[in-house]
Amino acid sequence: MANYRILVKYKNDIFDAEAERIKKDIFNLGIKKSVSVKIAQIYEISSKISFDEIRGICNNLFVDFLTQQLFINFDPSENNSSVDVYYKTGVTDSVAETIKLGINDMGIKEFFSIRTGKKYYLGNNLSKQELKKIARKVLSNTVIQEYKISLRDMMTAI
């Protein structure tokens, strides 16, 4: 079984309203540093399907190439700290359920599992404590979601 980690993010010259809202929310938390925010949608798929089929799924269901960039099994983190947010086990991931229907509609009947989430790139000038505060108070709902913080090149699960 192959594992694919797919990231879809807006191109650098495209305005991202959600990222701008998050910047304001971080400022309102009392973190007065200049924080860059970029967001990627995460799709994790485990299946016996081929890389070409994964690319077809991405092209048909996940990405708009006019405004977005696609990364398969590659993270364009550019030395940024980041926070990955996923639904906890047992919580329905409605985006994943919809994607399963779309993949079946494409004629791909191979068994697979899918999990979706969001990756928030937050520059490299925040402390571990600031990142944890942002993850808990702005980026996730800890009742139904879990998060993982990555500090620059060092992976730290919190």
N, C-alpha and C. Protein backbone atom coordinates (compact mmCIF):
# COMPACT_ATOMS: atom_id res chain seq x y z
N MET A 1 0.85 -1.18 0.00
CA MET A 1 0.00 0.00 0.00
C MET A 1 0.89 1.24 0.00
N ALA A 2 0.59 2.17 -0.87
CA ALA A 2 1.36 3.42 -0.97
C ALA A 2 0.68 4.52 -0.16
N ASN A 3 1.50 5.38 0.40
CA ASN A 3 1.00 6.54 1.13
C ASN A 3 1.37 7.80 0.37
N TYR A 4 0.39 8.64 0.15
CA TYR A 4 0.60 9.90 -0.55
C TYR A 4 0.18 11.05 0.36
N ARG A 5 1.04 12.05 0.44
CA ARG A 5 0.71 13.27 1.19
C ARG A 5 0.67 14.40 0.17
N ILE A 6 -0.49 14.96 -0.01
CA ILE A 6 -0.72 15.97 -1.04
C ILE A 6 -0.98 17.31 -0.35
N LEU A 7 -0.29 18.34 -0.81
CA LEU A 7 -0.50 19.70 -0.30
C LEU A 7 -0.95 20.58 -1.46
N VAL A 8 -1.98 21.37 -1.23
CA VAL A 8 -2.47 22.33 -2.21
C VAL A 8 -2.50 23.69 -1.54
N LYS A 9 -1.77 24.65 -2.12
CA LYS A 9 -1.75 25.99 -1.53
C LYS A 9 -1.86 27.04 -2.62
N TYR A 10 -2.29 28.22 -2.21
CA TYR A 10 -2.38 29.31 -3.17
C TYR A 10 -0.99 29.71 -3.64
N LYS A 11 -0.91 30.13 -4.90
CA LYS A 11 0.33 30.68 -5.41
C LYS A 11 0.66 31.96 -4.65
N ASN A 12 1.94 32.32 -4.63
CA ASN A 12 2.40 33.46 -3.82
C ASN A 12 1.73 34.78 -4.18
N ASP A 13 1.32 34.95 -5.43
CA ASP A 13 0.73 36.24 -5.83
C ASP A 13 -0.80 36.27 -5.72
N ILE A 14 -1.40 35.24 -5.13
CA ILE A 14 -2.85 35.16 -4.98
C ILE A 14 -3.24 35.53 -3.54
N PHE A 15 -4.20 36.42 -3.40
CA PHE A 15 -4.68 36.84 -2.08
C PHE A 15 -5.39 35.69 -1.38
N ASP A 16 -5.08 35.48 -0.11
CA ASP A 16 -5.70 34.43 0.69
C ASP A 16 -6.40 35.09 1.89
N ALA A 17 -7.71 35.21 1.80
CA ALA A 17 -8.49 35.89 2.85
C ALA A 17 -8.39 35.17 4.19
N GLU A 18 -8.36 33.85 4.17
CA GLU A 18 -8.24 33.10 5.43
C GLU A 18 -6.92 33.39 6.12
N ALA A 19 -5.84 33.46 5.36
CA ALA A 19 -4.52 33.77 5.94
C ALA A 19 -4.51 35.16 6.54
N GLU A 20 -5.15 36.11 5.89
CA GLU A 20 -5.22 37.47 6.42
C GLU A 20 -6.03 37.53 7.72
N ARG A 21 -7.12 36.77 7.78
CA ARG A 21 -7.91 36.71 9.01
C ARG A 21 -7.10 36.12 10.15
N ILE A 22 -6.33 35.09 9.85
CA ILE A 22 -5.51 34.45 10.88
C ILE A 22 -4.44 35.41 11.40
N LYS A 23 -3.84 36.20 10.51
CA LYS A 23 -2.87 37.21 10.96
C LYS A 23 -3.51 38.15 11.98
N LYS A 24 -4.72 38.59 11.70
CA LYS A 24 -5.42 39.49 12.62
C LYS A 24 -5.73 38.79 13.94
N ASP A 25 -6.14 37.53 13.87
CA ASP A 25 -6.44 36.77 15.09
C ASP A 25 -5.19 36.58 15.94
N ILE A 26 -4.05 36.36 15.30
CA ILE A 26 -2.78 36.22 16.03
C ILE A 26 -2.44 37.53 16.72
N PHE A 27 -2.59 38.64 16.03
CA PHE A 27 -2.34 39.95 16.61
C PHE A 27 -3.27 40.19 17.81
N ASN A 28 -4.53 39.80 17.66
CA ASN A 28 -5.51 39.97 18.74
C ASN A 28 -5.24 39.07 19.94
N LEU A 29 -4.43 38.02 19.75
CA LEU A 29 -4.01 37.17 20.86
C LEU A 29 -2.96 37.85 21.73
N GLY A 30 -2.42 38.95 21.23
CA GLY A 30 -1.37 39.65 21.96
C GLY A 30 0.02 39.39 21.42
N ILE A 31 0.10 38.67 20.31
CA ILE A 31 1.39 38.42 19.67
C ILE A 31 1.58 39.52 18.64
N LYS A 32 2.43 40.47 18.96
CA LYS A 32 2.55 41.69 18.15
C LYS A 32 3.65 41.60 17.09
N LYS A 33 4.26 40.43 16.94
CA LYS A 33 5.29 40.25 15.91
C LYS A 33 4.64 40.24 14.53
N SER A 34 5.44 40.57 13.54
CA SER A 34 4.99 40.43 12.17
C SER A 34 5.05 38.95 11.81
N VAL A 35 3.91 38.37 11.49
CA VAL A 35 3.84 36.94 11.21
C VAL A 35 3.36 36.74 9.79
N SER A 36 4.12 35.95 9.03
CA SER A 36 3.65 35.60 7.69
C SER A 36 2.81 34.33 7.83
N VAL A 37 1.70 34.27 7.13
CA VAL A 37 0.81 33.11 7.20
C VAL A 37 0.52 32.64 5.79
N LYS A 38 0.78 31.37 5.55
CA LYS A 38 0.39 30.71 4.31
C LYS A 38 -0.30 29.41 4.71
N ILE A 39 -1.27 29.00 3.93
CA ILE A 39 -2.08 27.84 4.28
C ILE A 39 -2.07 26.84 3.13
N ALA A 40 -1.95 25.56 3.47
CA ALA A 40 -2.08 24.49 2.49
C ALA A 40 -3.13 23.51 2.97
N GLN A 41 -3.95 23.05 2.05
CA GLN A 41 -4.88 21.96 2.35
C GLN A 41 -4.08 20.67 2.27
N ILE A 42 -4.26 19.78 3.24
CA ILE A 42 -3.56 18.49 3.27
C ILE A 42 -4.55 17.39 2.90
N TYR A 43 -4.10 16.49 2.02
CA TYR A 43 -4.84 15.28 1.70
C TYR A 43 -3.87 14.12 1.87
N GLU A 44 -4.15 13.21 2.78
CA GLU A 44 -3.32 12.02 2.96
C GLU A 44 -4.12 10.82 2.49
N ILE A 45 -3.58 10.13 1.49
CA ILE A 45 -4.28 8.98 0.90
C ILE A 45 -3.39 7.76 1.01
N SER A 46 -3.95 6.66 1.51
CA SER A 46 -3.27 5.37 1.55
C SER A 46 -4.05 4.42 0.66
N SER A 47 -3.36 3.85 -0.33
CA SER A 47 -4.04 2.98 -1.29
C SER A 47 -3.01 2.27 -2.16
N LYS A 48 -3.48 1.29 -2.90
CA LYS A 48 -2.64 0.61 -3.88
C LYS A 48 -2.68 1.29 -5.24
N ILE A 49 -3.36 2.42 -5.34
CA ILE A 49 -3.45 3.10 -6.63
C ILE A 49 -2.10 3.70 -7.01
N SER A 50 -1.90 3.89 -8.30
CA SER A 50 -0.61 4.35 -8.82
C SER A 50 -0.44 5.86 -8.64
N PHE A 51 0.80 6.30 -8.82
CA PHE A 51 1.09 7.72 -8.76
C PHE A 51 0.32 8.47 -9.85
N ASP A 52 0.21 7.88 -11.04
CA ASP A 52 -0.54 8.52 -12.12
C ASP A 52 -2.02 8.70 -11.75
N GLU A 53 -2.59 7.70 -11.06
CA GLU A 53 -3.98 7.83 -10.63
C GLU A 53 -4.11 8.92 -9.56
N ILE A 54 -3.14 9.00 -8.66
CA ILE A 54 -3.15 10.07 -7.65
C ILE A 54 -3.09 11.43 -8.34
N ARG A 55 -2.23 11.55 -9.34
CA ARG A 55 -2.13 12.82 -10.06
C ARG A 55 -3.46 13.16 -10.73
N GLY A 56 -4.13 12.17 -11.29
CA GLY A 56 -5.45 12.39 -11.89
C GLY A 56 -6.48 12.85 -10.86
N ILE A 57 -6.46 12.23 -9.69
CA ILE A 57 -7.36 12.64 -8.60
C ILE A 57 -7.08 14.10 -8.23
N CYS A 58 -5.81 14.42 -8.07
CA CYS A 58 -5.44 15.80 -7.71
C CYS A 58 -5.92 16.79 -8.77
N ASN A 59 -5.65 16.48 -10.02
CA ASN A 59 -6.01 17.39 -11.11
C ASN A 59 -7.52 17.58 -11.23
N ASN A 60 -8.29 16.53 -10.93
CA ASN A 60 -9.74 16.60 -11.09
C ASN A 60 -10.49 17.07 -9.85
N LEU A 61 -9.93 16.81 -8.66
CA LEU A 61 -10.69 17.09 -7.44
C LEU A 61 -10.07 18.13 -6.50
N PHE A 62 -8.76 18.29 -6.53
CA PHE A 62 -8.11 19.07 -5.47
C PHE A 62 -7.62 20.45 -5.86
N VAL A 63 -7.14 20.63 -7.07
CA VAL A 63 -6.36 21.83 -7.38
C VAL A 63 -6.94 22.61 -8.55
N ASP A 64 -6.87 23.93 -8.45
CA ASP A 64 -7.16 24.85 -9.54
C ASP A 64 -5.82 25.46 -9.93
N PHE A 65 -5.27 25.02 -11.04
CA PHE A 65 -3.90 25.41 -11.41
C PHE A 65 -3.75 26.89 -11.74
N LEU A 66 -4.83 27.61 -11.93
CA LEU A 66 -4.72 29.06 -12.15
C LEU A 66 -4.30 29.78 -10.88
N THR A 67 -4.79 29.30 -9.74
CA THR A 67 -4.54 30.01 -8.49
C THR A 67 -3.77 29.20 -7.46
N GLN A 68 -3.61 27.90 -7.68
CA GLN A 68 -3.02 27.05 -6.66
C GLN A 68 -1.83 26.26 -7.17
N GLN A 69 -1.03 25.79 -6.21
CA GLN A 69 0.11 24.92 -6.49
C GLN A 69 -0.16 23.56 -5.86
N LEU A 70 0.34 22.52 -6.49
CA LEU A 70 0.16 21.15 -6.04
C LEU A 70 1.52 20.55 -5.69
N PHE A 71 1.59 19.89 -4.53
CA PHE A 71 2.81 19.20 -4.11
C PHE A 71 2.42 17.80 -3.65
N ILE A 72 3.03 16.79 -4.25
CA ILE A 72 2.76 15.41 -3.88
C ILE A 72 4.02 14.85 -3.23
N ASN A 73 3.89 14.40 -1.99
CA ASN A 73 5.00 13.86 -1.19
C ASN A 73 6.18 14.82 -1.11
N PHE A 74 5.88 16.10 -1.08
CA PHE A 74 6.91 17.14 -0.92
C PHE A 74 6.28 18.30 -0.16
N ASP A 75 7.03 18.84 0.79
CA ASP A 75 6.53 19.96 1.59
C ASP A 75 7.37 21.19 1.31
N PRO A 76 6.77 22.22 0.71
CA PRO A 76 7.52 23.44 0.37
C PRO A 76 7.65 24.38 1.56
N SER A 77 8.09 23.87 2.70
CA SER A 77 8.05 24.65 3.95
C SER A 77 9.00 25.84 3.96
N GLU A 78 10.04 25.81 3.14
CA GLU A 78 10.98 26.94 3.04
C GLU A 78 11.46 27.39 4.41
N ASN A 79 11.77 26.43 5.28
CA ASN A 79 12.30 26.70 6.62
C ASN A 79 11.34 27.49 7.50
N ASN A 80 10.04 27.37 7.26
CA ASN A 80 9.04 28.00 8.11
C ASN A 80 8.62 27.04 9.22
N SER A 81 8.27 27.59 10.37
CA SER A 81 7.58 26.79 11.38
C SER A 81 6.16 26.58 10.87
N SER A 82 5.55 25.48 11.29
CA SER A 82 4.21 25.20 10.79
C SER A 82 3.39 24.46 11.83
N VAL A 83 2.08 24.47 11.60
CA VAL A 83 1.14 23.74 12.43
C VAL A 83 0.24 22.95 11.49
N ASP A 84 0.18 21.63 11.69
CA ASP A 84 -0.74 20.77 10.95
C ASP A 84 -1.95 20.50 11.85
N VAL A 85 -3.15 20.64 11.30
CA VAL A 85 -4.38 20.44 12.06
C VAL A 85 -5.22 19.38 11.35
N TYR A 86 -5.64 18.36 12.11
CA TYR A 86 -6.47 17.27 11.60
C TYR A 86 -7.62 17.02 12.56
N TYR A 87 -8.67 16.37 12.05
CA TYR A 87 -9.72 15.90 12.94
C TYR A 87 -9.18 14.72 13.74
N LYS A 88 -9.62 14.62 14.99
CA LYS A 88 -9.24 13.50 15.84
C LYS A 88 -9.89 12.22 15.31
N THR A 89 -9.27 11.09 15.64
CA THR A 89 -9.84 9.80 15.29
C THR A 89 -11.24 9.69 15.89
N GLY A 90 -12.18 9.25 15.08
CA GLY A 90 -13.55 9.12 15.53
C GLY A 90 -14.45 10.29 15.17
N VAL A 91 -13.85 11.41 14.77
CA VAL A 91 -14.62 12.57 14.34
C VAL A 91 -14.78 12.49 12.82
N THR A 92 -15.98 12.67 12.33
CA THR A 92 -16.24 12.58 10.90
C THR A 92 -15.50 13.68 10.14
N ASP A 93 -14.75 13.27 9.14
CA ASP A 93 -14.05 14.19 8.24
C ASP A 93 -14.92 14.29 6.98
N SER A 94 -15.83 15.25 6.95
CA SER A 94 -16.79 15.34 5.85
C SER A 94 -16.12 15.65 4.51
N VAL A 95 -15.01 16.38 4.52
CA VAL A 95 -14.27 16.63 3.27
C VAL A 95 -13.76 15.31 2.72
N ALA A 96 -13.19 14.47 3.59
CA ALA A 96 -12.67 13.17 3.14
C ALA A 96 -13.80 12.30 2.59
N GLU A 97 -14.95 12.33 3.25
CA GLU A 97 -16.08 11.53 2.78
C GLU A 97 -16.54 11.99 1.39
N THR A 98 -16.55 13.28 1.15
CA THR A 98 -16.94 13.81 -0.16
C THR A 98 -15.91 13.43 -1.22
N ILE A 99 -14.63 13.48 -0.85
CA ILE A 99 -13.57 13.10 -1.79
C ILE A 99 -13.70 11.63 -2.17
N LYS A 100 -14.02 10.78 -1.22
CA LYS A 100 -14.22 9.35 -1.52
C LYS A 100 -15.28 9.18 -2.60
N LEU A 101 -16.37 9.93 -2.48
CA LEU A 101 -17.43 9.86 -3.50
C LEU A 101 -16.90 10.32 -4.86
N GLY A 102 -16.13 11.40 -4.88
CA GLY A 102 -15.57 11.90 -6.12
C GLY A 102 -14.62 10.91 -6.77
N ILE A 103 -13.80 10.26 -5.95
CA ILE A 103 -12.86 9.26 -6.48
C ILE A 103 -13.63 8.09 -7.06
N ASN A 104 -14.66 7.63 -6.37
CA ASN A 104 -15.50 6.55 -6.91
C ASN A 104 -16.16 6.97 -8.21
N ASP A 105 -16.63 8.22 -8.30
CA ASP A 105 -17.23 8.72 -9.54
C ASP A 105 -16.24 8.74 -10.69
N MET A 106 -14.94 8.86 -10.37
CA MET A 106 -13.90 8.82 -11.40
C MET A 106 -13.64 7.40 -11.89
N GLY A 107 -14.29 6.41 -11.28
CA GLY A 107 -14.12 5.02 -11.70
C GLY A 107 -13.01 4.30 -10.96
N ILE A 108 -12.43 4.91 -9.95
CA ILE A 108 -11.37 4.27 -9.17
C ILE A 108 -12.05 3.57 -8.00
N LYS A 109 -12.03 2.24 -8.03
CA LYS A 109 -12.75 1.45 -7.03
C LYS A 109 -11.80 0.80 -6.01
N GLU A 110 -10.52 1.01 -6.17
CA GLU A 110 -9.52 0.44 -5.26
C GLU A 110 -9.77 0.92 -3.84
N PHE A 111 -9.58 0.03 -2.86
CA PHE A 111 -9.74 0.43 -1.46
C PHE A 111 -8.71 1.49 -1.10
N PHE A 112 -9.15 2.48 -0.36
CA PHE A 112 -8.22 3.51 0.09
C PHE A 112 -8.75 4.15 1.36
N SER A 113 -7.84 4.78 2.08
CA SER A 113 -8.25 5.62 3.20
C SER A 113 -7.78 7.03 2.90
N ILE A 114 -8.52 8.00 3.40
CA ILE A 114 -8.15 9.39 3.17
C ILE A 114 -8.39 10.18 4.44
N ARG A 115 -7.51 11.10 4.66
CA ARG A 115 -7.59 12.01 5.81
C ARG A 115 -7.23 13.40 5.30
N THR A 116 -7.98 14.39 5.74
CA THR A 116 -7.69 15.75 5.30
C THR A 116 -7.34 16.62 6.51
N GLY A 117 -6.67 17.71 6.22
CA GLY A 117 -6.31 18.66 7.27
C GLY A 117 -5.83 19.95 6.65
N LYS A 118 -5.27 20.79 7.49
CA LYS A 118 -4.68 22.04 7.00
C LYS A 118 -3.31 22.22 7.60
N LYS A 119 -2.42 22.78 6.79
CA LYS A 119 -1.07 23.10 7.23
C LYS A 119 -0.94 24.61 7.20
N TYR A 120 -0.54 25.17 8.32
CA TYR A 120 -0.37 26.61 8.45
C TYR A 120 1.12 26.91 8.57
N TYR A 121 1.69 27.58 7.58
CA TYR A 121 3.09 28.02 7.62
C TYR A 121 3.11 29.38 8.29
N LEU A 122 3.91 29.50 9.36
CA LEU A 122 3.87 30.71 10.18
C LEU A 122 5.22 31.39 10.30
N GLY A 123 6.03 31.37 9.27
CA GLY A 123 7.32 32.05 9.33
C GLY A 123 8.26 31.36 10.29
N ASN A 124 9.29 32.07 10.70
CA ASN A 124 10.28 31.43 11.58
C ASN A 124 10.66 32.31 12.76
N ASN A 125 9.81 33.25 13.14
CA ASN A 125 10.18 34.14 14.25
C ASN A 125 9.30 33.96 15.49
N LEU A 126 8.59 32.84 15.58
CA LEU A 126 7.73 32.58 16.73
C LEU A 126 8.36 31.51 17.63
N SER A 127 8.18 31.67 18.92
CA SER A 127 8.68 30.67 19.87
C SER A 127 7.74 29.47 19.90
N LYS A 128 8.21 28.39 20.50
CA LYS A 128 7.40 27.19 20.65
C LYS A 128 6.12 27.51 21.44
N GLN A 129 6.25 28.32 22.48
CA GLN A 129 5.10 28.69 23.30
C GLN A 129 4.09 29.52 22.50
N GLU A 130 4.58 30.44 21.68
CA GLU A 130 3.68 31.24 20.84
C GLU A 130 2.97 30.37 19.81
N LEU A 131 3.71 29.44 19.21
CA LEU A 131 3.10 28.54 18.24
C LEU A 131 2.01 27.68 18.89
N LYS A 132 2.30 27.19 20.09
CA LYS A 132 1.30 26.37 20.79
C LYS A 132 0.05 27.19 21.11
N LYS A 133 0.23 28.42 21.54
CA LYS A 133 -0.90 29.31 21.85
C LYS A 133 -1.73 29.57 20.59
N ILE A 134 -1.06 29.84 19.48
CA ILE A 134 -1.75 30.08 18.21
C ILE A 134 -2.50 28.82 17.77
N ALA A 135 -1.84 27.66 17.88
CA ALA A 135 -2.47 26.40 17.47
C ALA A 135 -3.74 26.14 18.28
N ARG A 136 -3.68 26.35 19.58
CA ARG A 136 -4.81 26.05 20.46
C ARG A 136 -5.93 27.08 20.37
N LYS A 137 -5.58 28.35 20.21
CA LYS A 137 -6.59 29.42 20.31
C LYS A 137 -7.11 29.92 18.96
N VAL A 138 -6.33 29.72 17.90
CA VAL A 138 -6.71 30.27 16.59
C VAL A 138 -6.93 29.18 15.54
N LEU A 139 -6.02 28.23 15.46
CA LEU A 139 -6.02 27.31 14.32
C LEU A 139 -6.84 26.05 14.51
N SER A 140 -7.11 25.66 15.75
CA SER A 140 -7.81 24.39 15.95
C SER A 140 -8.89 24.51 17.02
N ASN A 141 -9.79 23.57 16.97
CA ASN A 141 -10.79 23.36 18.02
C ASN A 141 -10.37 22.06 18.70
N THR A 142 -9.72 22.16 19.85
CA THR A 142 -9.09 20.98 20.46
C THR A 142 -10.09 19.94 20.95
N VAL A 143 -11.37 20.24 20.94
CA VAL A 143 -12.38 19.24 21.29
C VAL A 143 -12.45 18.19 20.18
N ILE A 144 -12.35 18.63 18.93
CA ILE A 144 -12.51 17.70 17.80
C ILE A 144 -11.28 17.61 16.90
N GLN A 145 -10.28 18.45 17.14
CA GLN A 145 -9.10 18.46 16.28
C GLN A 145 -7.83 18.28 17.10
N GLU A 146 -6.81 17.77 16.42
CA GLU A 146 -5.48 17.66 17.01
C GLU A 146 -4.52 18.42 16.12
N TYR A 147 -3.38 18.78 16.68
CA TYR A 147 -2.41 19.54 15.90
C TYR A 147 -1.01 19.06 16.18
N LYS A 148 -0.13 19.33 15.23
CA LYS A 148 1.29 19.01 15.37
C LYS A 148 2.06 20.25 14.95
N ILE A 149 2.98 20.65 15.80
CA ILE A 149 3.80 21.83 15.54
C ILE A 149 5.17 21.39 15.04
N SER A 150 5.64 22.02 13.98
CA SER A 150 6.99 21.78 13.46
C SER A 150 7.76 23.09 13.56
N LEU A 151 8.85 23.07 14.30
CA LEU A 151 9.69 24.25 14.46
C LEU A 151 10.78 24.21 13.41
N ARG A 152 10.69 25.06 12.42
CA ARG A 152 11.66 25.15 11.34
C ARG A 152 12.00 23.76 10.82
N ASP A 153 13.25 23.30 10.96
CA ASP A 153 13.63 21.98 10.46
C ASP A 153 13.43 20.88 11.49
N MET A 154 13.11 21.24 12.73
CA MET A 154 13.01 20.28 13.81
C MET A 154 11.55 19.92 14.03
N MET A 155 11.20 18.66 13.91
CA MET A 155 9.82 18.22 14.11
C MET A 155 9.55 18.06 15.60
N THR A 156 8.52 18.70 16.10
CA THR A 156 8.14 18.60 17.50
C THR A 156 6.64 18.38 17.58
N ALA A 157 6.25 17.22 18.04
CA ALA A 157 4.82 16.95 18.21
C ALA A 157 4.38 17.43 19.58
N ILE A 158 3.32 18.20 19.61
CA ILE A 158 2.81 18.73 20.88
C ILE A 158 1.36 18.28 21.02
